[in-house]
PDB file of N, CA and C in Angstrom:
ATOM      1  N   MET A   1      -9.649  24.854-103.572  1.00  0.00           N
ATOM      2  CA  MET A   1      -9.964  23.472-103.889  1.00  0.00           C
ATOM      3  C   MET A   1     -11.358  23.109-103.291  1.00  0.00           C
ATOM      4  N   GLU A   2     -12.146  22.552-104.012  1.00  0.00           N
ATOM      5  CA  GLU A   2     -13.512  22.118-103.499  1.00  0.00           C
ATOM      6  C   GLU A   2     -13.389  20.959-102.540  1.00  0.00           C
ATOM      7  N   ARG A   3     -14.206  20.843-101.552  1.00  0.00           N
ATOM      8  CA  ARG A   3     -14.216  19.809-100.538  1.00  0.00           C
ATOM      9  C   ARG A   3     -14.674  18.574-101.182  1.00  0.00           C
ATOM     10  N   GLN A   4     -14.007  17.485-101.002  1.00  0.00           N
ATOM     11  CA  GLN A   4     -14.307  16.162-101.510  1.00  0.00           C
ATOM     12  C   GLN A   4     -14.282  15.124-100.426  1.00  0.00           C
ATOM     13  N   SER A   5     -15.127  14.101-100.662  1.00  0.00           N
ATOM     14  CA  SER A   5     -15.113  12.985 -99.618  1.00  0.00           C
ATOM     15  C   SER A   5     -15.276  11.600-100.347  1.00  0.00           C
ATOM     16  N   GLU A   6     -14.858  10.671 -99.583  1.00  0.00           N
ATOM     17  CA  GLU A   6     -14.940   9.221-100.097  1.00  0.00           C
ATOM     18  C   GLU A   6     -14.903   8.337 -98.879  1.00  0.00           C
ATOM     19  N   VAL A   7     -15.600   7.141 -98.970  1.00  0.00           N
ATOM     20  CA  VAL A   7     -15.466   6.155 -97.869  1.00  0.00           C
ATOM     21  C   VAL A   7     -14.716   5.019 -98.501  1.00  0.00           C
ATOM     22  N   LEU A   8     -13.699   4.628 -97.683  1.00  0.00           N
ATOM     23  CA  LEU A   8     -12.735   3.554 -98.087  1.00  0.00           C
ATOM     24  C   LEU A   8     -12.835   2.400 -97.149  1.00  0.00           C
ATOM     25  N   GLY A   9     -13.756   1.563 -97.270  1.00  0.00           N
ATOM     26  CA  GLY A   9     -13.874   0.368 -96.455  1.00  0.00           C
ATOM     27  C   GLY A   9     -13.896   0.665 -94.954  1.00  0.00           C
ATOM     28  N   GLY A  10     -14.764   1.517 -94.505  1.00  0.00           N
ATOM     29  CA  GLY A  10     -14.863   1.811 -93.096  1.00  0.00           C
ATOM     30  C   GLY A  10     -14.166   3.048 -92.569  1.00  0.00           C
ATOM     31  N   CYS A  11     -13.470   3.654 -93.587  1.00  0.00           N
ATOM     32  CA  CYS A  11     -12.738   4.936 -93.211  1.00  0.00           C
ATOM     33  C   CYS A  11     -13.337   6.041 -94.120  1.00  0.00           C
ATOM     34  N   GLU A  12     -13.770   7.133 -93.496  1.00  0.00           N
ATOM     35  CA  GLU A  12     -14.212   8.234 -94.251  1.00  0.00           C
ATOM     36  C   GLU A  12     -13.042   9.197 -94.426  1.00  0.00           C
ATOM     37  N   LEU A  13     -12.811   9.656 -95.674  1.00  0.00           N
ATOM     38  CA  LEU A  13     -11.792  10.567 -96.060  1.00  0.00           C
ATOM     39  C   LEU A  13     -12.433  11.777 -96.652  1.00  0.00           C
ATOM     40  N   VAL A  14     -12.167  12.981 -96.049  1.00  0.00           N
ATOM     41  CA  VAL A  14     -12.654  14.228 -96.509  1.00  0.00           C
ATOM     42  C   VAL A  14     -11.477  15.146 -96.744  1.00  0.00           C
ATOM     43  N   TRP A  15     -11.354  15.832 -97.903  1.00  0.00           N
ATOM     44  CA  TRP A  15     -10.203  16.736 -98.062  1.00  0.00           C
ATOM     45  C   TRP A  15     -10.613  17.963 -98.816  1.00  0.00           C
ATOM     46  N   ALA A  16      -9.819  19.025 -98.541  1.00  0.00           N
ATOM     47  CA  ALA A  16      -9.908  20.263 -99.202  1.00  0.00           C
ATOM     48  C   ALA A  16      -8.680  21.002 -98.897  1.00  0.00           C
ATOM     49  N   SER A  17      -8.102  21.675 -99.973  1.00  0.00           N
ATOM     50  CA  SER A  17      -6.888  22.406 -99.706  1.00  0.00           C
ATOM     51  C   SER A  17      -5.772  21.619 -99.004  1.00  0.00           C
ATOM     52  N   ALA A  18      -5.348  22.201 -97.928  1.00  0.00           N
ATOM     53  CA  ALA A  18      -4.251  21.611 -97.199  1.00  0.00           C
ATOM     54  C   ALA A  18      -4.764  20.854 -95.925  1.00  0.00           C
ATOM     55  N   GLU A  19      -6.008  20.429 -95.955  1.00  0.00           N
ATOM     56  CA  GLU A  19      -6.526  19.713 -94.793  1.00  0.00           C
ATOM     57  C   GLU A  19      -7.117  18.355 -95.222  1.00  0.00           C
ATOM     58  N   VAL A  20      -6.808  17.353 -94.476  1.00  0.00           N
ATOM     59  CA  VAL A  20      -7.426  16.019 -94.723  1.00  0.00           C
ATOM     60  C   VAL A  20      -8.049  15.593 -93.445  1.00  0.00           C
ATOM     61  N   ARG A  21      -9.275  15.044 -93.541  1.00  0.00           N
ATOM     62  CA  ARG A  21      -9.912  14.535 -92.326  1.00  0.00           C
ATOM     63  C   ARG A  21     -10.209  13.058 -92.531  1.00  0.00           C
ATOM     64  N   LEU A  22      -9.765  12.239 -91.562  1.00  0.00           N
ATOM     65  CA  LEU A  22     -10.004  10.822 -91.571  1.00  0.00           C
ATOM     66  C   LEU A  22     -10.865  10.388 -90.352  1.00  0.00           C
ATOM     67  N   GLY A  23     -11.823   9.477 -90.567  1.00  0.00           N
ATOM     68  CA  GLY A  23     -12.673   9.062 -89.529  1.00  0.00           C
ATOM     69  C   GLY A  23     -12.986   7.546 -89.694  1.00  0.00           C
ATOM     70  N   GLY A  24     -13.309   6.898 -88.584  1.00  0.00           N
ATOM     71  CA  GLY A  24     -13.683   5.496 -88.631  1.00  0.00           C
ATOM     72  C   GLY A  24     -12.414   4.642 -88.367  1.00  0.00           C
ATOM     73  N   GLU A  25     -12.419   3.491 -89.055  1.00  0.00           N
ATOM     74  CA  GLU A  25     -11.361   2.512 -88.826  1.00  0.00           C
ATOM     75  C   GLU A  25     -10.368   2.466 -89.908  1.00  0.00           C
ATOM     76  N   ILE A  26      -9.047   2.439 -89.541  1.00  0.00           N
ATOM     77  CA  ILE A  26      -8.032   2.300 -90.431  1.00  0.00           C
ATOM     78  C   ILE A  26      -7.322   1.004 -90.064  1.00  0.00           C
ATOM     79  N   ASP A  27      -7.361  -0.044 -90.959  1.00  0.00           N
ATOM     80  CA  ASP A  27      -6.830  -1.323 -90.705  1.00  0.00           C
ATOM     81  C   ASP A  27      -6.339  -1.961 -92.030  1.00  0.00           C
ATOM     82  N   SER A  28      -5.935  -3.251 -91.905  1.00  0.00           N
ATOM     83  CA  SER A  28      -5.346  -3.896 -93.010  1.00  0.00           C
ATOM     84  C   SER A  28      -6.278  -3.942 -94.243  1.00  0.00           C
ATOM     85  N   ALA A  29      -7.523  -3.890 -94.006  1.00  0.00           N
ATOM     86  CA  ALA A  29      -8.502  -3.929 -95.148  1.00  0.00           C
ATOM     87  C   ALA A  29      -8.585  -2.688 -95.992  1.00  0.00           C
ATOM     88  N   ASN A  30      -8.199  -1.524 -95.452  1.00  0.00           N
ATOM     89  CA  ASN A  30      -8.356  -0.322 -96.118  1.00  0.00           C
ATOM     90  C   ASN A  30      -7.036   0.583 -96.125  1.00  0.00           C
ATOM     91  N   VAL A  31      -6.019   0.159 -95.403  1.00  0.00           N
ATOM     92  CA  VAL A  31      -4.835   1.041 -95.207  1.00  0.00           C
ATOM     93  C   VAL A  31      -4.238   1.417 -96.576  1.00  0.00           C
ATOM     94  N   SER A  32      -4.147   0.492 -97.476  1.00  0.00           N
ATOM     95  CA  SER A  32      -3.515   0.807 -98.771  1.00  0.00           C
ATOM     96  C   SER A  32      -4.287   1.829 -99.538  1.00  0.00           C
ATOM     97  N   LEU A  33      -5.653   1.752 -99.571  1.00  0.00           N
ATOM     98  CA  LEU A  33      -6.460   2.740-100.232  1.00  0.00           C
ATOM     99  C   LEU A  33      -6.294   4.116 -99.559  1.00  0.00           C
ATOM    100  N   VAL A  34      -6.396   4.106 -98.192  1.00  0.00           N
ATOM    101  CA  VAL A  34      -6.275   5.436 -97.518  1.00  0.00           C
ATOM    102  C   VAL A  34      -4.893   6.044 -97.871  1.00  0.00           C
ATOM    103  N   GLU A  35      -3.836   5.273 -97.805  1.00  0.00           N
ATOM    104  CA  GLU A  35      -2.493   5.856 -98.112  1.00  0.00           C
ATOM    105  C   GLU A  35      -2.409   6.315 -99.517  1.00  0.00           C
ATOM    106  N   GLN A  36      -2.920   5.608-100.438  1.00  0.00           N
ATOM    107  CA  GLN A  36      -2.881   5.987-101.875  1.00  0.00           C
ATOM    108  C   GLN A  36      -3.570   7.299-102.126  1.00  0.00           C
ATOM    109  N   ARG A  37      -4.725   7.514-101.324  1.00  0.00           N
ATOM    110  CA  ARG A  37      -5.489   8.775-101.499  1.00  0.00           C
ATOM    111  C   ARG A  37      -4.746   9.980-100.753  1.00  0.00           C
ATOM    112  N   VAL A  38      -4.228   9.786 -99.630  1.00  0.00           N
ATOM    113  CA  VAL A  38      -3.667  10.764 -98.877  1.00  0.00           C
ATOM    114  C   VAL A  38      -2.361  11.340 -99.294  1.00  0.00           C
ATOM    115  N   LEU A  39      -1.413  10.384 -99.689  1.00  0.00           N
ATOM    116  CA  LEU A  39      -0.077  10.773 -99.992  1.00  0.00           C
ATOM    117  C   LEU A  39       0.035  11.888-101.055  1.00  0.00           C
ATOM    118  N   PRO A  40      -0.823  11.868-102.113  1.00  0.00           N
ATOM    119  CA  PRO A  40      -0.711  12.963-103.012  1.00  0.00           C
ATOM    120  C   PRO A  40      -1.190  14.290-102.431  1.00  0.00           C
ATOM    121  N   LEU A  41      -1.921  14.250-101.355  1.00  0.00           N
ATOM    122  CA  LEU A  41      -2.477  15.467-100.798  1.00  0.00           C
ATOM    123  C   LEU A  41      -1.377  16.174 -99.836  1.00  0.00           C
ATOM    124  N   ILE A  42      -0.321  15.560 -99.574  1.00  0.00           N
ATOM    125  CA  ILE A  42       0.692  16.125 -98.737  1.00  0.00           C
ATOM    126  C   ILE A  42       1.628  17.097 -99.605  1.00  0.00           C
ATOM    127  N   SER A  43       1.300  18.407 -99.465  1.00  0.00           N
ATOM    128  CA  SER A  43       1.957  19.397-100.268  1.00  0.00           C
ATOM    129  C   SER A  43       1.850  20.681 -99.548  1.00  0.00           C
ATOM    130  N   GLY A  44       2.518  21.696-100.204  1.00  0.00           N
ATOM    131  CA  GLY A  44       2.418  23.017 -99.659  1.00  0.00           C
ATOM    132  C   GLY A  44       3.329  23.145 -98.361  1.00  0.00           C
ATOM    133  N   PRO A  45       3.214  24.273 -97.721  1.00  0.00           N
ATOM    134  CA  PRO A  45       4.146  24.487 -96.472  1.00  0.00           C
ATOM    135  C   PRO A  45       3.652  23.626 -95.303  1.00  0.00           C
ATOM    136  N   VAL A  46       2.309  23.428 -95.169  1.00  0.00           N
ATOM    137  CA  VAL A  46       1.801  22.697 -94.034  1.00  0.00           C
ATOM    138  C   VAL A  46       0.556  21.949 -94.483  1.00  0.00           C
ATOM    139  N   THR A  47       0.487  20.610 -94.193  1.00  0.00           N
ATOM    140  CA  THR A  47      -0.709  19.796 -94.441  1.00  0.00           C
ATOM    141  C   THR A  47      -1.196  19.360 -93.037  1.00  0.00           C
ATOM    142  N   VAL A  48      -2.489  19.449 -92.813  1.00  0.00           N
ATOM    143  CA  VAL A  48      -3.119  19.035 -91.591  1.00  0.00           C
ATOM    144  C   VAL A  48      -3.886  17.757 -91.906  1.00  0.00           C
ATOM    145  N   ILE A  49      -3.584  16.648 -91.128  1.00  0.00           N
ATOM    146  CA  ILE A  49      -4.340  15.431 -91.219  1.00  0.00           C
ATOM    147  C   ILE A  49      -5.040  15.300 -89.850  1.00  0.00           C
ATOM    148  N   ASP A  50      -6.346  15.574 -89.923  1.00  0.00           N
ATOM    149  CA  ASP A  50      -7.224  15.480 -88.750  1.00  0.00           C
ATOM    150  C   ASP A  50      -7.730  14.085 -88.538  1.00  0.00           C
ATOM    151  N   CYS A  51      -7.216  13.392 -87.550  1.00  0.00           N
ATOM    152  CA  CYS A  51      -7.620  11.987 -87.349  1.00  0.00           C
ATOM    153  C   CYS A  51      -8.423  11.880 -85.981  1.00  0.00           C
ATOM    154  N   ARG A  52      -8.937  12.971 -85.523  1.00  0.00           N
ATOM    155  CA  ARG A  52      -9.634  12.969 -84.196  1.00  0.00           C
ATOM    156  C   ARG A  52     -10.862  12.076 -84.214  1.00  0.00           C
ATOM    157  N   SER A  53     -11.345  11.735 -85.425  1.00  0.00           N
ATOM    158  CA  SER A  53     -12.539  10.856 -85.512  1.00  0.00           C
ATOM    159  C   SER A  53     -12.184   9.414 -85.816  1.00  0.00           C
ATOM    160  N   VAL A  54     -10.884   9.028 -85.795  1.00  0.00           N
ATOM    161  CA  VAL A  54     -10.456   7.724 -86.027  1.00  0.00           C
ATOM    162  C   VAL A  54     -10.753   6.912 -84.808  1.00  0.00           C
ATOM    163  N   THR A  55     -11.502   5.764 -84.951  1.00  0.00           N
ATOM    164  CA  THR A  55     -11.951   4.916 -83.870  1.00  0.00           C
ATOM    165  C   THR A  55     -11.075   3.659 -83.741  1.00  0.00           C
ATOM    166  N   PHE A  56     -10.275   3.363 -84.751  1.00  0.00           N
ATOM    167  CA  PHE A  56      -9.419   2.152 -84.638  1.00  0.00           C
ATOM    168  C   PHE A  56      -8.199   2.390 -85.616  1.00  0.00           C
ATOM    169  N   LEU A  57      -7.035   1.985 -85.189  1.00  0.00           N
ATOM    170  CA  LEU A  57      -5.841   2.093 -85.963  1.00  0.00           C
ATOM    171  C   LEU A  57      -4.956   0.865 -85.667  1.00  0.00           C
ATOM    172  N   ASP A  58      -4.613   0.078 -86.688  1.00  0.00           N
ATOM    173  CA  ASP A  58      -3.803  -1.092 -86.361  1.00  0.00           C
ATOM    174  C   ASP A  58      -2.360  -0.775 -86.762  1.00  0.00           C
ATOM    175  N   ALA A  59      -1.471  -1.767 -86.691  1.00  0.00           N
ATOM    176  CA  ALA A  59      -0.098  -1.559 -86.926  1.00  0.00           C
ATOM    177  C   ALA A  59       0.161  -1.104 -88.411  1.00  0.00           C
ATOM    178  N   GLY A  60      -0.634  -1.579 -89.276  1.00  0.00           N
ATOM    179  CA  GLY A  60      -0.551  -1.085 -90.651  1.00  0.00           C
ATOM    180  C   GLY A  60      -0.832   0.390 -90.798  1.00  0.00           C
ATOM    181  N   GLY A  61      -1.720   0.943 -89.956  1.00  0.00           N
ATOM    182  CA  GLY A  61      -2.042   2.332 -89.922  1.00  0.00           C
ATOM    183  C   GLY A  61      -0.847   3.184 -89.403  1.00  0.00           C
ATOM    184  N   VAL A  62      -0.148   2.552 -88.446  1.00  0.00           N
ATOM    185  CA  VAL A  62       1.089   3.196 -87.859  1.00  0.00           C
ATOM    186  C   VAL A  62       2.175   3.264 -88.913  1.00  0.00           C
ATOM    187  N   ARG A  63       2.320   2.209 -89.712  1.00  0.00           N
ATOM    188  CA  ARG A  63       3.290   2.180 -90.817  1.00  0.00           C
ATOM    189  C   ARG A  63       2.874   3.219 -91.864  1.00  0.00           C
ATOM    190  N   MET A  64       1.550   3.389 -92.115  1.00  0.00           N
ATOM    191  CA  MET A  64       1.060   4.363 -93.031  1.00  0.00           C
ATOM    192  C   MET A  64       1.478   5.802 -92.483  1.00  0.00           C
ATOM    193  N   LEU A  65       1.378   6.053 -91.258  1.00  0.00           N
ATOM    194  CA  LEU A  65       1.695   7.375 -90.678  1.00  0.00           C
ATOM    195  C   LEU A  65       3.209   7.584 -90.896  1.00  0.00           C
ATOM    196  N   ALA A  66       4.036   6.551 -90.690  1.00  0.00           N
ATOM    197  CA  ALA A  66       5.433   6.628 -90.891  1.00  0.00           C
ATOM    198  C   ALA A  66       5.741   7.041 -92.333  1.00  0.00           C
ATOM    199  N   ARG A  67       5.043   6.485 -93.319  1.00  0.00           N
ATOM    200  CA  ARG A  67       5.300   6.826 -94.715  1.00  0.00           C
ATOM    201  C   ARG A  67       4.847   8.221 -95.001  1.00  0.00           C
ATOM    202  N   PHE A  68       3.797   8.702 -94.358  1.00  0.00           N
ATOM    203  CA  PHE A  68       3.318  10.061 -94.472  1.00  0.00           C
ATOM    204  C   PHE A  68       4.501  10.985 -93.999  1.00  0.00           C
ATOM    205  N   GLY A  69       5.167  10.635 -92.886  1.00  0.00           N
ATOM    206  CA  GLY A  69       6.285  11.434 -92.390  1.00  0.00           C
ATOM    207  C   GLY A  69       7.439  11.449 -93.372  1.00  0.00           C
ATOM    208  N   ALA A  70       7.699  10.262 -93.950  1.00  0.00           N
ATOM    209  CA  ALA A  70       8.810  10.231 -94.952  1.00  0.00           C
ATOM    210  C   ALA A  70       8.398  11.148 -96.159  1.00  0.00           C
ATOM    211  N   ALA A  71       7.197  11.132 -96.592  1.00  0.00           N
ATOM    212  CA  ALA A  71       6.799  11.968 -97.716  1.00  0.00           C
ATOM    213  C   ALA A  71       6.914  13.409 -97.328  1.00  0.00           C
ATOM    214  N   ALA A  72       6.579  13.783 -96.168  1.00  0.00           N
ATOM    215  CA  ALA A  72       6.691  15.155 -95.676  1.00  0.00           C
ATOM    216  C   ALA A  72       8.154  15.579 -95.723  1.00  0.00           C
ATOM    217  N   LEU A  73       9.018  14.753 -95.252  1.00  0.00           N
ATOM    218  CA  LEU A  73      10.446  15.043 -95.246  1.00  0.00           C
ATOM    219  C   LEU A  73      11.005  15.276 -96.642  1.00  0.00           C
ATOM    220  N   SER A  74      10.601  14.330 -97.535  1.00  0.00           N
ATOM    221  CA  SER A  74      11.131  14.489 -98.914  1.00  0.00           C
ATOM    222  C   SER A  74      10.552  15.679 -99.617  1.00  0.00           C
ATOM    223  N   ALA A  75       9.334  16.132 -99.252  1.00  0.00           N
ATOM    224  CA  ALA A  75       8.677  17.226 -99.902  1.00  0.00           C
ATOM    225  C   ALA A  75       9.026  18.499 -99.132  1.00  0.00           C
ATOM    226  N   ASN A  76       9.856  18.439 -98.074  1.00  0.00           N
ATOM    227  CA  ASN A  76      10.169  19.622 -97.235  1.00  0.00           C
ATOM    228  C   ASN A  76       8.939  20.422 -96.814  1.00  0.00           C
ATOM    229  N   THR A  77       7.989  19.633 -96.324  1.00  0.00           N
ATOM    230  CA  THR A  77       6.746  20.200 -95.824  1.00  0.00           C
ATOM    231  C   THR A  77       6.558  19.748 -94.329  1.00  0.00           C
ATOM    232  N   VAL A  78       5.604  20.361 -93.677  1.00  0.00           N
ATOM    233  CA  VAL A  78       5.211  20.008 -92.381  1.00  0.00           C
ATOM    234  C   VAL A  78       3.857  19.246 -92.438  1.00  0.00           C
ATOM    235  N   VAL A  79       3.758  18.168 -91.820  1.00  0.00           N
ATOM    236  CA  VAL A  79       2.477  17.443 -91.705  1.00  0.00           C
ATOM    237  C   VAL A  79       2.109  17.404 -90.225  1.00  0.00           C
ATOM    238  N   ARG A  80       0.986  18.036 -89.854  1.00  0.00           N
ATOM    239  CA  ARG A  80       0.451  18.021 -88.479  1.00  0.00           C
ATOM    240  C   ARG A  80      -0.690  16.977 -88.421  1.00  0.00           C
ATOM    241  N   VAL A  81      -0.544  16.109 -87.512  1.00  0.00           N
ATOM    242  CA  VAL A  81      -1.578  15.001 -87.355  1.00  0.00           C
ATOM    243  C   VAL A  81      -2.234  15.233 -85.954  1.00  0.00           C
ATOM    244  N   ARG A  82      -3.483  15.387 -86.084  1.00  0.00           N
ATOM    245  CA  ARG A  82      -4.322  15.449 -84.887  1.00  0.00           C
ATOM    246  C   ARG A  82      -4.858  14.069 -84.512  1.00  0.00           C
ATOM    247  N   CYS A  83      -4.307  13.508 -83.462  1.00  0.00           N
ATOM    248  CA  CYS A  83      -4.579  12.036 -83.143  1.00  0.00           C
ATOM    249  C   CYS A  83      -5.753  12.001 -82.245  1.00  0.00           C
ATOM    250  N   SER A  84      -6.617  10.936 -82.512  1.00  0.00           N
ATOM    251  CA  SER A  84      -7.724  10.602 -81.575  1.00  0.00           C
ATOM    252  C   SER A  84      -7.121   9.852 -80.402  1.00  0.00           C
ATOM    253  N   PRO A  85      -7.871   9.700 -79.253  1.00  0.00           N
ATOM    254  CA  PRO A  85      -7.307   8.926 -78.199  1.00  0.00           C
ATOM    255  C   PRO A  85      -6.989   7.479 -78.584  1.00  0.00           C
ATOM    256  N   TRP A  86      -7.834   6.843 -79.498  1.00  0.00           N
ATOM    257  CA  TRP A  86      -7.509   5.586 -79.936  1.00  0.00           C
ATOM    258  C   TRP A  86      -6.147   5.430 -80.693  1.00  0.00           C
ATOM    259  N   MET A  87      -5.912   6.418 -81.473  1.00  0.00           N
ATOM    260  CA  MET A  87      -4.619   6.377 -82.215  1.00  0.00           C
ATOM    261  C   MET A  87      -3.443   6.629 -81.149  1.00  0.00           C
ATOM    262  N   THR A  88      -3.618   7.432 -80.233  1.00  0.00           N
ATOM    263  CA  THR A  88      -2.595   7.637 -79.198  1.00  0.00           C
ATOM    264  C   THR A  88      -2.233   6.317 -78.485  1.00  0.00           C
ATOM    265  N   ILE A  89      -3.280   5.612 -78.159  1.00  0.00           N
ATOM    266  CA  ILE A  89      -3.056   4.324 -77.464  1.00  0.00           C
ATOM    267  C   ILE A  89      -2.295   3.313 -78.370  1.00  0.00           C
ATOM    268  N   THR A  90      -2.658   3.277 -79.707  1.00  0.00           N
ATOM    269  CA  THR A  90      -1.963   2.375 -80.591  1.00  0.00           C
ATOM    270  C   THR A  90      -0.470   2.866 -80.766  1.00  0.00           C
ATOM    271  N   LEU A  91      -0.266   4.127 -80.908  1.00  0.00           N
ATOM    272  CA  LEU A  91       1.106   4.636 -81.024  1.00  0.00           C
ATOM    273  C   LEU A  91       1.926   4.327 -79.822  1.00  0.00           C
ATOM    274  N   GLU A  92       1.330   4.428 -78.573  1.00  0.00           N
ATOM    275  CA  GLU A  92       2.011   4.113 -77.380  1.00  0.00           C
ATOM    276  C   GLU A  92       2.310   2.675 -77.332  1.00  0.00           C
ATOM    277  N   LEU A  93       1.421   1.841 -77.642  1.00  0.00           N
ATOM    278  CA  LEU A  93       1.537   0.357 -77.620  1.00  0.00           C
ATOM    279  C   LEU A  93       2.674  -0.116 -78.556  1.00  0.00           C
ATOM    280  N   CYS A  94       2.755   0.560 -79.676  1.00  0.00           N
ATOM    281  CA  CYS A  94       3.791   0.254 -80.687  1.00  0.00           C
ATOM    282  C   CYS A  94       5.125   0.891 -80.386  1.00  0.00           C
ATOM    283  N   GLY A  95       5.164   1.747 -79.283  1.00  0.00           N
ATOM    284  CA  GLY A  95       6.458   2.327 -78.905  1.00  0.00           C
ATOM    285  C   GLY A  95       6.831   3.648 -79.665  1.00  0.00           C
ATOM    286  N   PHE A  96       5.815   4.299 -80.175  1.00  0.00           N
ATOM    287  CA  PHE A  96       6.104   5.521 -81.006  1.00  0.00           C
ATOM    288  C   PHE A  96       5.650   6.741 -80.168  1.00  0.00           C
ATOM    289  N   GLU A  97       6.611   7.512 -79.669  1.00  0.00           N
ATOM    290  CA  GLU A  97       6.330   8.728 -79.065  1.00  0.00           C
ATOM    291  C   GLU A  97       6.131   9.804 -80.049  1.00  0.00           C
ATOM    292  N   GLU A  98       6.941   9.607 -81.219  1.00  0.00           N
ATOM    293  CA  GLU A  98       6.948  10.556 -82.293  1.00  0.00           C
ATOM    294  C   GLU A  98       7.289   9.799 -83.505  1.00  0.00           C
ATOM    295  N   LEU A  99       6.988  10.444 -84.674  1.00  0.00           N
ATOM    296  CA  LEU A  99       7.296   9.832 -85.956  1.00  0.00           C
ATOM    297  C   LEU A  99       8.025  10.910 -86.783  1.00  0.00           C
ATOM    298  N   PRO A 100       9.218  10.603 -87.338  1.00  0.00           N
ATOM    299  CA  PRO A 100      10.007  11.582 -88.115  1.00  0.00           C
ATOM    300  C   PRO A 100       9.060  12.174 -89.247  1.00  0.00           C
ATOM    301  N   GLY A 101       9.081  13.550 -89.385  1.00  0.00           N
ATOM    302  CA  GLY A 101       8.354  14.193 -90.458  1.00  0.00           C
ATOM    303  C   GLY A 101       7.008  14.635 -90.092  1.00  0.00           C
ATOM    304  N   LEU A 102       6.513  14.129 -88.958  1.00  0.00           N
ATOM    305  CA  LEU A 102       5.115  14.456 -88.475  1.00  0.00           C
ATOM    306  C   LEU A 102       5.142  15.226 -87.143  1.00  0.00           C
ATOM    307  N   VAL A 103       4.269  16.168 -86.953  1.00  0.00           N
ATOM    308  CA  VAL A 103       3.969  16.854 -85.656  1.00  0.00           C
ATOM    309  C   VAL A 103       2.671  16.253 -85.181  1.00  0.00           C
ATOM    310  N   LEU A 104       2.793  15.490 -84.151  1.00  0.00           N
ATOM    311  CA  LEU A 104       1.550  14.822 -83.549  1.00  0.00           C
ATOM    312  C   LEU A 104       0.981  15.633 -82.456  1.00  0.00           C
ATOM    313  N   THR A 105      -0.266  15.813 -82.416  1.00  0.00           N
ATOM    314  CA  THR A 105      -1.001  16.360 -81.305  1.00  0.00           C
ATOM    315  C   THR A 105      -2.065  15.315 -80.871  1.00  0.00           C
ATOM    316  N   HIS A 106      -2.231  15.243 -79.565  1.00  0.00           N
ATOM    317  CA  HIS A 106      -3.086  14.186 -79.075  1.00  0.00           C
ATOM    318  C   HIS A 106      -4.362  14.740 -78.441  1.00  0.00           C
ATOM    319  N   GLU A 107      -5.449  14.297 -78.891  1.00  0.00           N
ATOM    320  CA  GLU A 107      -6.778  14.639 -78.310  1.00  0.00           C
ATOM    321  C   GLU A 107      -7.011  13.922 -76.971  1.00  0.00           C
ATOM    322  N   GLU A 108      -7.398  14.631 -76.017  1.00  0.00           N
ATOM    323  CA  GLU A 108      -7.712  14.070 -74.691  1.00  0.00           C
ATOM    324  C   GLU A 108      -9.062  13.268 -74.748  1.00  0.00           C
ATOM    325  N   PRO A 109      -9.120  12.096 -74.089  1.00  0.00           N
ATOM    326  CA  PRO A 109     -10.459  11.393 -74.149  1.00  0.00           C
ATOM    327  C   PRO A 109     -11.510  12.238 -73.411  1.00  0.00           C
ATOM    328  N   SER A 110     -12.698  12.213 -73.956  1.00  0.00           N
ATOM    329  CA  SER A 110     -13.765  12.972 -73.265  1.00  0.00           C
ATOM    330  C   SER A 110     -14.612  12.146 -72.299  1.00  0.00           C
TER     331      SER A 110
END
């Protein structure tokens, strides 16, 4: 699959094959668009969602991640999410150490 990209209201989305890269801000203004674009990309044995360039994630973004996990469980696939430090902070503040259906890895702040 050819690499494609799109900017969705402050969030850059780049995808090819079984890897999706998100960068910028994911908030109430763009979370629905981001989710609509990413959900169909969850397929195959493993999908990687690289969020190491995400600089802001609100509670809507956390709910979006939970829906990605639900999609992974229903598709019997593994979704690996590489979290930025900002995402890790938000997940911790919301009380999520883990999300069903997702394998979260956390990037250390530099």
